C-alpha atoms as a PDB file:
ATOM      1  CA  MET A   1      13.991  15.279  14.932  1.00  0.00           C
ATOM      2  CA  THR A   2      10.988  12.921  13.515  1.00  0.00           C
ATOM      3  CA  ARG A   3       8.179  13.628  15.440  1.00  0.00           C
ATOM      4  CA  LYS A   4       6.413  10.482  17.495  1.00  0.00           C
ATOM      5  CA  ILE A   5       3.003   9.072  16.762  1.00  0.00           C
ATOM      6  CA  ALA A   6       1.147   9.980  20.902  1.00  0.00           C
ATOM      7  CA  ASP A   7      -2.267   9.675  20.766  1.00  0.00           C
ATOM      8  CA  GLY A   8      -4.670   8.264  18.082  1.00  0.00           C
ATOM      9  CA  LEU A   9      -4.241   8.108  13.907  1.00  0.00           C
ATOM     10  CA  VAL A  10      -6.778   8.950  11.052  1.00  0.00           C
ATOM     11  CA  ILE A  11      -6.124   6.347   8.436  1.00  0.00           C
ATOM     12  CA  ALA A  12      -6.558   8.575   5.634  1.00  0.00           C
ATOM     13  CA  THR A  13      -8.286   6.347   3.149  1.00  0.00           C
ATOM     14  CA  HIS A  14     -11.962   4.883   2.288  1.00  0.00           C
ATOM     15  CA  ASN A  15     -10.134   1.770   0.664  1.00  0.00           C
ATOM     16  CA  VAL A  16     -11.635  -0.568   2.770  1.00  0.00           C
ATOM     17  CA  GLY A  17      -8.376  -3.148   2.108  1.00  0.00           C
ATOM     18  CA  LYS A  18      -6.276  -0.100   3.122  1.00  0.00           C
ATOM     19  CA  VAL A  19      -7.403   0.697   6.464  1.00  0.00           C
ATOM     20  CA  ARG A  20      -7.808  -3.646   7.275  1.00  0.00           C
ATOM     21  CA  GLU A  21      -4.257  -4.072   6.634  1.00  0.00           C
ATOM     22  CA  ILE A  22      -2.821  -0.509   7.988  1.00  0.00           C
ATOM     23  CA  ARG A  23      -4.705  -1.567  11.537  1.00  0.00           C
ATOM     24  CA  GLU A  24      -3.201  -4.450  11.703  1.00  0.00           C
ATOM     25  CA  LEU A  25      -0.097  -2.882  11.394  1.00  0.00           C
ATOM     26  CA  LEU A  26      -0.914  -0.660  13.817  1.00  0.00           C
ATOM     27  CA  ALA A  27      -2.000  -3.391  16.248  1.00  0.00           C
ATOM     28  CA  ARG A  28       1.370  -4.156  18.050  1.00  0.00           C
ATOM     29  CA  PHE A  29       1.861  -0.432  18.816  1.00  0.00           C
ATOM     30  CA  ALA A  30      -1.814  -0.088  20.546  1.00  0.00           C
ATOM     31  CA  VAL A  31      -3.271   2.907  18.248  1.00  0.00           C
ATOM     32  CA  GLU A  32      -6.358   3.577  17.804  1.00  0.00           C
ATOM     33  CA  SER A  33      -7.995   4.812  14.425  1.00  0.00           C
ATOM     34  CA  GLN A  34     -10.385   5.779  12.840  1.00  0.00           C
ATOM     35  CA  SER A  35     -10.917   5.736   8.697  1.00  0.00           C
ATOM     36  CA  ALA A  36     -11.587   8.586   6.294  1.00  0.00           C
ATOM     37  CA  GLY A  37     -14.655   6.646   5.410  1.00  0.00           C
ATOM     38  CA  GLU A  38     -15.716   6.546   8.933  1.00  0.00           C
ATOM     39  CA  LEU A  39     -15.584   9.844   9.730  1.00  0.00           C
ATOM     40  CA  GLY A  40     -16.707  11.338   6.858  1.00  0.00           C
ATOM     41  CA  VAL A  41     -13.727  13.324   5.747  1.00  0.00           C
ATOM     42  CA  ALA A  42     -13.295  13.659   1.831  1.00  0.00           C
ATOM     43  CA  GLU A  43     -11.066  12.391   0.027  1.00  0.00           C
ATOM     44  CA  PRO A  44      -8.765  15.202  -2.278  1.00  0.00           C
ATOM     45  CA  GLN A  45      -8.096  15.211  -5.853  1.00  0.00           C
ATOM     46  CA  GLU A  46      -4.226  13.237  -5.939  1.00  0.00           C
ATOM     47  CA  THR A  47      -2.695  15.509  -8.206  1.00  0.00           C
ATOM     48  CA  GLY A  48       0.995  14.460  -7.497  1.00  0.00           C
ATOM     49  CA  SER A  49       3.047  12.565  -9.783  1.00  0.00           C
ATOM     50  CA  THR A  50       4.797   9.676  -7.378  1.00  0.00           C
ATOM     51  CA  PHE A  51       3.803   7.427  -4.856  1.00  0.00           C
ATOM     52  CA  LEU A  52       4.952  10.266  -1.886  1.00  0.00           C
ATOM     53  CA  GLU A  53       3.928  13.067  -3.386  1.00  0.00           C
ATOM     54  CA  ASN A  54       0.062  11.713  -3.283  1.00  0.00           C
ATOM     55  CA  ALA A  55       0.481  10.100   0.092  1.00  0.00           C
ATOM     56  CA  ARG A  56       0.998  13.552   1.081  1.00  0.00           C
ATOM     57  CA  ILE A  57      -1.869  15.087  -0.001  1.00  0.00           C
ATOM     58  CA  LYS A  58      -3.878  12.684   1.679  1.00  0.00           C
ATOM     59  CA  ALA A  59      -1.969  12.707   4.241  1.00  0.00           C
ATOM     60  CA  VAL A  60      -2.651  17.111   4.772  1.00  0.00           C
ATOM     61  CA  ALA A  61      -5.498  16.625   3.452  1.00  0.00           C
ATOM     62  CA  ALA A  62      -7.162  14.779   6.550  1.00  0.00           C
ATOM     63  CA  ALA A  63      -4.485  16.227   9.031  1.00  0.00           C
ATOM     64  CA  GLN A  64      -6.032  19.175   8.416  1.00  0.00           C
ATOM     65  CA  GLU A  65      -9.838  18.422   7.781  1.00  0.00           C
ATOM     66  CA  SER A  66     -10.106  16.249  11.566  1.00  0.00           C
ATOM     67  CA  GLY A  67      -7.613  18.543  13.568  1.00  0.00           C
ATOM     68  CA  ARG A  68      -5.792  15.097  14.213  1.00  0.00           C
ATOM     69  CA  PRO A  69      -3.055  13.089  12.947  1.00  0.00           C
ATOM     70  CA  ALA A  70      -3.539  10.936   9.873  1.00  0.00           C
ATOM     71  CA  VAL A  71      -1.554   8.609   7.771  1.00  0.00           C
ATOM     72  CA  ALA A  72      -2.014   7.982   4.066  1.00  0.00           C
ATOM     73  CA  ASP A  73      -0.737   5.081   1.888  1.00  0.00           C
ATOM     74  CA  ASP A  74      -0.629   5.403  -1.969  1.00  0.00           C
ATOM     75  CA  SER A  75       0.450   2.281  -3.220  1.00  0.00           C
ATOM     76  CA  GLY A  76       0.568   0.403  -6.913  1.00  0.00           C
ATOM     77  CA  LEU A  77       2.343  -1.941  -8.862  1.00  0.00           C
ATOM     78  CA  THR A  78       5.039  -1.020 -11.772  1.00  0.00           C
ATOM     79  CA  VAL A  79       5.398  -3.627 -14.342  1.00  0.00           C
ATOM     80  CA  ASP A  80       9.008  -3.943 -15.823  1.00  0.00           C
ATOM     81  CA  ALA A  81       7.599  -4.612 -19.421  1.00  0.00           C
ATOM     82  CA  LEU A  82       5.013  -1.638 -19.276  1.00  0.00           C
ATOM     83  CA  GLY A  83       7.779   0.957 -18.817  1.00  0.00           C
ATOM     84  CA  GLY A  84       6.198   1.011 -15.165  1.00  0.00           C
ATOM     85  CA  VAL A  85       2.820   1.674 -15.510  1.00  0.00           C
ATOM     86  CA  PRO A  86       0.075   0.904 -14.190  1.00  0.00           C
ATOM     87  CA  GLY A  87       2.064   2.594 -11.373  1.00  0.00           C
ATOM     88  CA  ILE A  88      -0.017   5.604  -9.321  1.00  0.00           C
ATOM     89  CA  HIS A  89      -2.822   4.670 -11.874  1.00  0.00           C
ATOM     90  CA  SER A  90      -2.945   1.545 -10.820  1.00  0.00           C
ATOM     91  CA  ALA A  91      -6.086   2.411  -8.969  1.00  0.00           C
ATOM     92  CA  ARG A  92      -7.517   4.095 -12.297  1.00  0.00           C
ATOM     93  CA  TRP A  93      -7.302   1.061 -13.831  1.00  0.00           C
ATOM     94  CA  ALA A  94      -9.460  -0.478 -12.285  1.00  0.00           C
ATOM     95  CA  GLY A  95     -12.200   1.900 -13.412  1.00  0.00           C
ATOM     96  CA  PRO A  96     -14.575   3.149 -10.349  1.00  0.00           C
ATOM     97  CA  GLU A  97     -16.247   0.448  -9.829  1.00  0.00           C
ATOM     98  CA  LYS A  98     -13.069  -0.624  -8.106  1.00  0.00           C
ATOM     99  CA  ASP A  99     -12.731  -3.827 -10.935  1.00  0.00           C
ATOM    100  CA  PHE A 100      -9.632  -5.199 -10.404  1.00  0.00           C
ATOM    101  CA  ALA A 101     -10.239  -8.743 -12.108  1.00  0.00           C
ATOM    102  CA  ARG A 102     -10.385  -6.504 -15.204  1.00  0.00           C
ATOM    103  CA  ALA A 103      -7.119  -4.472 -14.401  1.00  0.00           C
ATOM    104  CA  MET A 104      -5.338  -7.444 -13.976  1.00  0.00           C
ATOM    105  CA  ARG A 105      -6.536  -8.448 -17.474  1.00  0.00           C
ATOM    106  CA  ARG A 106      -5.619  -5.669 -19.469  1.00  0.00           C
ATOM    107  CA  ILE A 107      -1.998  -5.883 -17.711  1.00  0.00           C
ATOM    108  CA  GLU A 108      -2.229  -9.239 -18.704  1.00  0.00           C
ATOM    109  CA  ASP A 109      -2.876  -8.745 -22.285  1.00  0.00           C
ATOM    110  CA  GLU A 110      -0.795  -6.069 -22.494  1.00  0.00           C
ATOM    111  CA  LEU A 111       2.143  -8.076 -21.611  1.00  0.00           C
ATOM    112  CA  ARG A 112       1.175 -10.897 -24.193  1.00  0.00           C
ATOM    113  CA  ALA A 113       1.000  -7.793 -27.263  1.00  0.00           C
ATOM    114  CA  ARG A 114       4.492  -7.110 -26.212  1.00  0.00           C
ATOM    115  CA  GLY A 115       5.599 -10.765 -26.042  1.00  0.00           C
ATOM    116  CA  ALA A 116       6.123 -11.011 -22.237  1.00  0.00           C
ATOM    117  CA  VAL A 117       4.903 -14.491 -21.694  1.00  0.00           C
ATOM    118  CA  ALA A 118       8.542 -15.704 -20.011  1.00  0.00           C
ATOM    119  CA  PRO A 119       8.875 -15.503 -16.226  1.00  0.00           C
ATOM    120  CA  LYS A 120      11.553 -13.619 -16.703  1.00  0.00           C
ATOM    121  CA  GLU A 121       9.985 -10.931 -19.160  1.00  0.00           C
ATOM    122  CA  ARG A 122       7.166 -10.177 -15.750  1.00  0.00           C
ATOM    123  CA  GLY A 123       8.934  -9.027 -13.640  1.00  0.00           C
ATOM    124  CA  ALA A 124       7.208  -6.318 -11.409  1.00  0.00           C
ATOM    125  CA  GLN A 125       7.277  -4.478  -7.667  1.00  0.00           C
ATOM    126  CA  PHE A 126       4.588  -3.336  -5.763  1.00  0.00           C
ATOM    127  CA  VAL A 127       5.780   0.208  -4.241  1.00  0.00           C
ATOM    128  CA  CYS A 128       3.998   1.784  -1.114  1.00  0.00           C
ATOM    129  CA  ALA A 129       4.883   5.333   0.244  1.00  0.00           C
ATOM    130  CA  LEU A 130       3.445   6.324   3.766  1.00  0.00           C
ATOM    131  CA  CYS A 131       3.407  10.239   5.015  1.00  0.00           C
ATOM    132  CA  VAL A 132       2.125  10.626   8.409  1.00  0.00           C
ATOM    133  CA  ALA A 133       0.899  14.267   8.479  1.00  0.00           C
ATOM    134  CA  TRP A 134      -0.021  16.736  11.912  1.00  0.00           C
ATOM    135  CA  PRO A 135      -2.114  19.183  11.745  1.00  0.00           C
ATOM    136  CA  ASP A 136       0.270  21.973  12.049  1.00  0.00           C
ATOM    137  CA  GLY A 137       1.550  20.922   8.493  1.00  0.00           C
ATOM    138  CA  HIS A 138       4.687  18.807   9.930  1.00  0.00           C
ATOM    139  CA  VAL A 139       5.154  15.488   8.105  1.00  0.00           C
ATOM    140  CA  GLU A 140       7.471  12.237   7.911  1.00  0.00           C
ATOM    141  CA  GLU A 141       7.363  10.260   4.866  1.00  0.00           C
ATOM    142  CA  PHE A 142       8.819   6.529   4.394  1.00  0.00           C
ATOM    143  CA  GLN A 143       8.601   3.787   1.071  1.00  0.00           C
ATOM    144  CA  GLY A 144       8.562   0.638   0.244  1.00  0.00           C
ATOM    145  CA  GLN A 145       9.045  -1.785  -1.751  1.00  0.00           C
ATOM    146  CA  VAL A 146       9.127  -5.899  -3.230  1.00  0.00           C
ATOM    147  CA  GLY A 147       9.969  -7.081  -6.138  1.00  0.00           C
ATOM    148  CA  GLY A 148       8.333 -10.526  -7.973  1.00  0.00           C
ATOM    149  CA  THR A 149       6.367 -11.742 -10.955  1.00  0.00           C
ATOM    150  CA  LEU A 150       3.530 -11.832 -12.373  1.00  0.00           C
ATOM    151  CA  VAL A 151       1.511 -14.745 -13.032  1.00  0.00           C
ATOM    152  CA  TRP A 152      -2.030 -15.805 -15.034  1.00  0.00           C
ATOM    153  CA  PRO A 153      -3.965 -16.591 -14.360  1.00  0.00           C
ATOM    154  CA  PRO A 154      -4.547 -14.486 -10.516  1.00  0.00           C
ATOM    155  CA  ARG A 155      -4.324 -17.005  -8.227  1.00  0.00           C
ATOM    156  CA  GLY A 156      -6.339 -16.637  -4.767  1.00  0.00           C
ATOM    157  CA  SER A 157      -8.306 -14.803  -2.945  1.00  0.00           C
ATOM    158  CA  ALA A 158      -6.980 -13.096   0.183  1.00  0.00           C
ATOM    159  CA  GLY A 159      -5.816  -9.344  -0.156  1.00  0.00           C
ATOM    160  CA  PHE A 160      -6.684  -6.992  -2.660  1.00  0.00           C
ATOM    161  CA  GLY A 161      -5.908  -4.890  -6.098  1.00  0.00           C
ATOM    162  CA  TYR A 162      -3.507  -7.025  -7.992  1.00  0.00           C
ATOM    163  CA  ASP A 163      -2.129  -9.225  -5.241  1.00  0.00           C
ATOM    164  CA  PRO A 164      -3.529 -12.566  -6.700  1.00  0.00           C
ATOM    165  CA  MET A 165      -0.893 -12.278 -10.053  1.00  0.00           C
ATOM    166  CA  PHE A 166       1.684 -11.172  -7.833  1.00  0.00           C
ATOM    167  CA  VAL A 167       4.169 -13.937  -6.560  1.00  0.00           C
ATOM    168  CA  PRO A 168       7.265 -12.519  -4.381  1.00  0.00           C
ATOM    169  CA  THR A 169      10.853 -13.095  -5.098  1.00  0.00           C
ATOM    170  CA  GLY A 170      12.037 -15.949  -3.322  1.00  0.00           C
ATOM    171  CA  PHE A 171       8.237 -17.145  -2.967  1.00  0.00           C
ATOM    172  CA  ASP A 172       6.091 -19.545  -5.147  1.00  0.00           C
ATOM    173  CA  ARG A 173       2.222 -18.522  -4.193  1.00  0.00           C
ATOM    174  CA  THR A 174       0.910 -15.024  -4.572  1.00  0.00           C
ATOM    175  CA  PHE A 175       0.347 -12.334  -2.179  1.00  0.00           C
ATOM    176  CA  GLY A 176      -3.621 -13.961  -2.947  1.00  0.00           C
ATOM    177  CA  GLU A 177      -2.910 -17.326  -1.991  1.00  0.00           C
ATOM    178  CA  MET A 178      -0.950 -15.831   1.211  1.00  0.00           C
ATOM    179  CA  THR A 179      -2.864 -14.703   4.473  1.00  0.00           C
ATOM    180  CA  SER A 180      -2.708 -11.806   6.393  1.00  0.00           C
ATOM    181  CA  ASP A 181       0.967 -12.994   8.226  1.00  0.00           C
ATOM    182  CA  GLU A 182       2.310 -14.165   5.724  1.00  0.00           C
ATOM    183  CA  LYS A 183       2.042 -10.627   3.729  1.00  0.00           C
ATOM    184  CA  HIS A 184       2.227  -8.448   5.264  1.00  0.00           C
ATOM    185  CA  GLY A 185       2.650  -9.228   9.545  1.00  0.00           C
ATOM    186  CA  LEU A 186       5.606  -7.793  11.518  1.00  0.00           C
ATOM    187  CA  PRO A 187       8.616  -9.538  13.094  1.00  0.00           C
ATOM    188  CA  PRO A 188       8.283 -11.729  15.042  1.00  0.00           C
ATOM    189  CA  ARG A 189       5.040 -13.168  14.005  1.00  0.00           C
ATOM    190  CA  GLY A 190       5.402 -12.641  10.664  1.00  0.00           C
ATOM    191  CA  LEU A 191       8.468 -11.659   7.555  1.00  0.00           C
ATOM    192  CA  GLY A 192       7.456  -7.987   6.876  1.00  0.00           C
ATOM    193  CA  LEU A 193       7.177  -9.400   3.531  1.00  0.00           C
ATOM    194  CA  SER A 194       4.833  -7.076   1.598  1.00  0.00           C
ATOM    195  CA  HIS A 195       5.427  -3.453   0.045  1.00  0.00           C
ATOM    196  CA  ARG A 196       3.474  -1.735   3.226  1.00  0.00           C
ATOM    197  CA  ALA A 197       4.814  -3.627   5.847  1.00  0.00           C
ATOM    198  CA  ARG A 198       8.439  -2.665   4.789  1.00  0.00           C
ATOM    199  CA  ALA A 199       7.451   1.571   4.592  1.00  0.00           C
ATOM    200  CA  PHE A 200       5.959   0.978   7.732  1.00  0.00           C
ATOM    201  CA  LEU A 201       8.532  -1.138   9.496  1.00  0.00           C
ATOM    202  CA  LYS A 202      10.653   2.332   8.129  1.00  0.00           C
ATOM    203  CA  LEU A 203       8.032   4.343  10.055  1.00  0.00           C
ATOM    204  CA  ALA A 204       7.424   2.261  12.624  1.00  0.00           C
ATOM    205  CA  ALA A 205      10.775   3.004  13.592  1.00  0.00           C
ATOM    206  CA  ALA A 206      10.888   6.602  13.535  1.00  0.00           C
ATOM    207  CA  CYS A 207       7.361   7.348  15.123  1.00  0.00           C
ATOM    208  CA  PHE A 208       6.869   4.685  17.506  1.00  0.00           C
ATOM    209  CA  ASP A 209       8.272   3.751  20.663  1.00  0.00           C
ATOM    210  CA  ASP A 210       9.220  -0.226  20.715  1.00  0.00           C
ATOM    211  CA  PRO A 211       5.902  -1.914  22.691  1.00  0.00           C
ATOM    212  CA  ALA A 212       8.836  -4.858  23.396  1.00  0.00           C
ATOM    213  CA  GLN A 213      11.623  -2.512  25.234  1.00  0.00           C
END
């Protein structure tokens, strides 16, 4: 049986972009949150081989250190023509400087090296795993993804990470060109389009009471 989130949450990341998006998703449920960075909670080494494993590592570590329920996200970009990479190493491709312009350039270079220049050869997915962990060891896990096509050059300055080169299926703008509501706004305000929003909708259905009811 799933467990409800009754009080505040620790957002188990130091990534300000992720903190912002998760807080926007939590806003509908009036859940108070503090990030791992704000609390001085250390980030554990991500030794998992999947998004879910890494999300669990981060959530469990933050819950144990803070003594409060914690939610962690592990997400990334999988590129079909590159055999699914960068995948769980998406952040590492940006290096310690978090230079995603360089990471996007690397993806483009590797696609061109394989002759993947036509849109049909440039398919990709954003994947998000969310884990909520409690200090007593209980966990709840959810996953969402959205498919699309990679474009070059990158377009738009909204969002973060690889957003400016990713056009979700059925749209003609990149995530970097979309507003927050368009990208990850929850119904009825938005479409719940992004991988993070899709995973969060599953989490919300299991762990929150619907404020509209």
